[in-house]
Amino acid sequence: MLRHRGVDPWQSGLGFFIFFNLLLSFRPGISVGAHIGGLVGGALAAWLMFYAPERVRMPAGLATLLSAAVGAVAVAGAIAVAGSGA
């Protein structure tokens, strides 16, 4: 998204936060899957919102709806995992 707007992601501080969160993911008691899943889900949602409409010519509202669906699936997956005791 930043690159789409002409901003270098590494100069914006985004790289630091991604690295910091990944570093914290490997501490005991922290869910590695949740952090990696959040990174992948966020990247997918950003792609759907900013790049997919240009490539597949979908209406702008549909990209937002698909991004919301990614979020809903992530929340449902987190609830399912938390409920299973995994």
C-alpha atoms as a PDB file:
ATOM      1  CA  MET A   1       0.000   0.000   0.000  1.00  0.00           C
ATOM      2  CA  LEU A   2       2.793   2.421   0.862  1.00  0.00           C
ATOM      3  CA  ARG A   3       4.655   1.627  -2.336  1.00  0.00           C
ATOM      4  CA  HIS A   4       1.415   2.211  -4.250  1.00  0.00           C
ATOM      5  CA  ARG A   5       1.330   5.727  -2.759  1.00  0.00           C
ATOM      6  CA  GLY A   6       4.993   6.376  -3.562  1.00  0.00           C
ATOM      7  CA  VAL A   7       6.357   5.832  -0.028  1.00  0.00           C
ATOM      8  CA  ASP A   8       9.289   3.514   0.655  1.00  0.00           C
ATOM      9  CA  PRO A   9       7.998   0.985   3.255  1.00  0.00           C
ATOM     10  CA  TRP A  10      11.427   0.613   4.876  1.00  0.00           C
ATOM     11  CA  GLN A  11      11.749   4.377   5.390  1.00  0.00           C
ATOM     12  CA  SER A  12       8.284   4.573   6.975  1.00  0.00           C
ATOM     13  CA  GLY A  13       9.159   2.322   9.923  1.00  0.00           C
ATOM     14  CA  LEU A  14       6.966  -0.553   8.728  1.00  0.00           C
ATOM     15  CA  GLY A  15       9.958  -2.850   8.303  1.00  0.00           C
ATOM     16  CA  PHE A  16      10.978  -2.280  11.924  1.00  0.00           C
ATOM     17  CA  PHE A  17       7.520  -3.205  13.222  1.00  0.00           C
ATOM     18  CA  ILE A  18       7.322  -6.333  11.072  1.00  0.00           C
ATOM     19  CA  PHE A  19      10.788  -7.432  12.204  1.00  0.00           C
ATOM     20  CA  PHE A  20       9.995  -6.610  15.857  1.00  0.00           C
ATOM     21  CA  ASN A  21       6.736  -8.597  15.794  1.00  0.00           C
ATOM     22  CA  LEU A  22       8.431 -11.561  14.138  1.00  0.00           C
ATOM     23  CA  LEU A  23      11.197 -11.404  16.737  1.00  0.00           C
ATOM     24  CA  LEU A  24       8.651 -11.397  19.567  1.00  0.00           C
ATOM     25  CA  SER A  25       6.809 -14.304  17.955  1.00  0.00           C
ATOM     26  CA  PHE A  26       9.529 -16.735  18.994  1.00  0.00           C
ATOM     27  CA  ARG A  27       9.309 -16.022  22.716  1.00  0.00           C
ATOM     28  CA  PRO A  28       7.739 -18.714  24.934  1.00  0.00           C
ATOM     29  CA  GLY A  29       3.988 -18.354  25.329  1.00  0.00           C
ATOM     30  CA  ILE A  30       3.543 -16.364  22.117  1.00  0.00           C
ATOM     31  CA  SER A  31       1.695 -17.886  19.184  1.00  0.00           C
ATOM     32  CA  VAL A  32       4.012 -17.979  16.180  1.00  0.00           C
ATOM     33  CA  GLY A  33       1.118 -19.028  13.953  1.00  0.00           C
ATOM     34  CA  ALA A  34      -0.944 -16.012  14.989  1.00  0.00           C
ATOM     35  CA  HIS A  35       1.807 -13.537  14.173  1.00  0.00           C
ATOM     36  CA  ILE A  36       2.699 -15.177  10.865  1.00  0.00           C
ATOM     37  CA  GLY A  37      -1.005 -15.534  10.028  1.00  0.00           C
ATOM     38  CA  GLY A  38      -1.573 -11.860  10.828  1.00  0.00           C
ATOM     39  CA  LEU A  39       1.300 -10.874   8.564  1.00  0.00           C
ATOM     40  CA  VAL A  40       0.016 -13.034   5.705  1.00  0.00           C
ATOM     41  CA  GLY A  41      -3.619 -12.004   6.250  1.00  0.00           C
ATOM     42  CA  GLY A  42      -2.706  -8.323   6.402  1.00  0.00           C
ATOM     43  CA  ALA A  43      -0.643  -8.592   3.234  1.00  0.00           C
ATOM     44  CA  LEU A  44      -3.517 -10.383   1.480  1.00  0.00           C
ATOM     45  CA  ALA A  45      -6.047  -7.782   2.618  1.00  0.00           C
ATOM     46  CA  ALA A  46      -3.752  -4.929   1.481  1.00  0.00           C
ATOM     47  CA  TRP A  47      -3.297  -6.609  -1.889  1.00  0.00           C
ATOM     48  CA  LEU A  48      -7.063  -7.063  -2.281  1.00  0.00           C
ATOM     49  CA  MET A  49      -7.723  -3.423  -1.432  1.00  0.00           C
ATOM     50  CA  PHE A  50      -4.977  -1.718  -3.432  1.00  0.00           C
ATOM     51  CA  TYR A  51      -3.689  -3.969  -6.195  1.00  0.00           C
ATOM     52  CA  ALA A  52      -6.408  -6.444  -7.129  1.00  0.00           C
ATOM     53  CA  PRO A  53      -8.940  -3.874  -8.428  1.00  0.00           C
ATOM     54  CA  GLU A  54      -6.393  -2.631 -11.000  1.00  0.00           C
ATOM     55  CA  ARG A  55      -5.525  -6.125 -12.181  1.00  0.00           C
ATOM     56  CA  VAL A  56      -8.933  -7.780 -12.311  1.00  0.00           C
ATOM     57  CA  ARG A  57     -11.125  -4.676 -12.677  1.00  0.00           C
ATOM     58  CA  MET A  58     -13.365  -5.439  -9.727  1.00  0.00           C
ATOM     59  CA  PRO A  59     -15.540  -2.707  -8.193  1.00  0.00           C
ATOM     60  CA  ALA A  60     -13.831  -0.870  -5.325  1.00  0.00           C
ATOM     61  CA  GLY A  61     -16.535  -1.940  -2.870  1.00  0.00           C
ATOM     62  CA  LEU A  62     -15.923  -5.604  -3.680  1.00  0.00           C
ATOM     63  CA  ALA A  63     -12.234  -5.294  -2.771  1.00  0.00           C
ATOM     64  CA  THR A  64     -13.210  -3.847   0.612  1.00  0.00           C
ATOM     65  CA  LEU A  65     -15.777  -6.610   1.124  1.00  0.00           C
ATOM     66  CA  LEU A  66     -13.205  -9.295   0.310  1.00  0.00           C
ATOM     67  CA  SER A  67     -10.748  -7.708   2.748  1.00  0.00           C
ATOM     68  CA  ALA A  68     -13.426  -7.762   5.455  1.00  0.00           C
ATOM     69  CA  ALA A  69     -14.011 -11.444   4.655  1.00  0.00           C
ATOM     70  CA  VAL A  70     -10.290 -12.138   5.180  1.00  0.00           C
ATOM     71  CA  GLY A  71     -10.582 -10.472   8.590  1.00  0.00           C
ATOM     72  CA  ALA A  72     -13.700 -12.438   9.484  1.00  0.00           C
ATOM     73  CA  VAL A  73     -12.023 -15.727   8.559  1.00  0.00           C
ATOM     74  CA  ALA A  74      -9.004 -14.762  10.674  1.00  0.00           C
ATOM     75  CA  VAL A  75     -11.196 -14.006  13.691  1.00  0.00           C
ATOM     76  CA  ALA A  76     -13.194 -17.230  13.237  1.00  0.00           C
ATOM     77  CA  GLY A  77      -9.951 -19.210  12.974  1.00  0.00           C
ATOM     78  CA  ALA A  78      -8.582 -17.604  16.128  1.00  0.00           C
ATOM     79  CA  ILE A  79     -11.764 -18.406  18.034  1.00  0.00           C
ATOM     80  CA  ALA A  80     -11.718 -21.998  16.758  1.00  0.00           C
ATOM     81  CA  VAL A  81      -8.090 -22.493  17.791  1.00  0.00           C
ATOM     82  CA  ALA A  82      -8.644 -20.860  21.195  1.00  0.00           C
ATOM     83  CA  GLY A  83     -11.695 -23.051  21.806  1.00  0.00           C
ATOM     84  CA  SER A  84      -9.828 -26.249  20.940  1.00  0.00           C
ATOM     85  CA  GLY A  85      -7.132 -25.582  23.522  1.00  0.00           C
ATOM     86  CA  ALA A  86      -4.346 -25.810  20.931  1.00  0.00           C
END
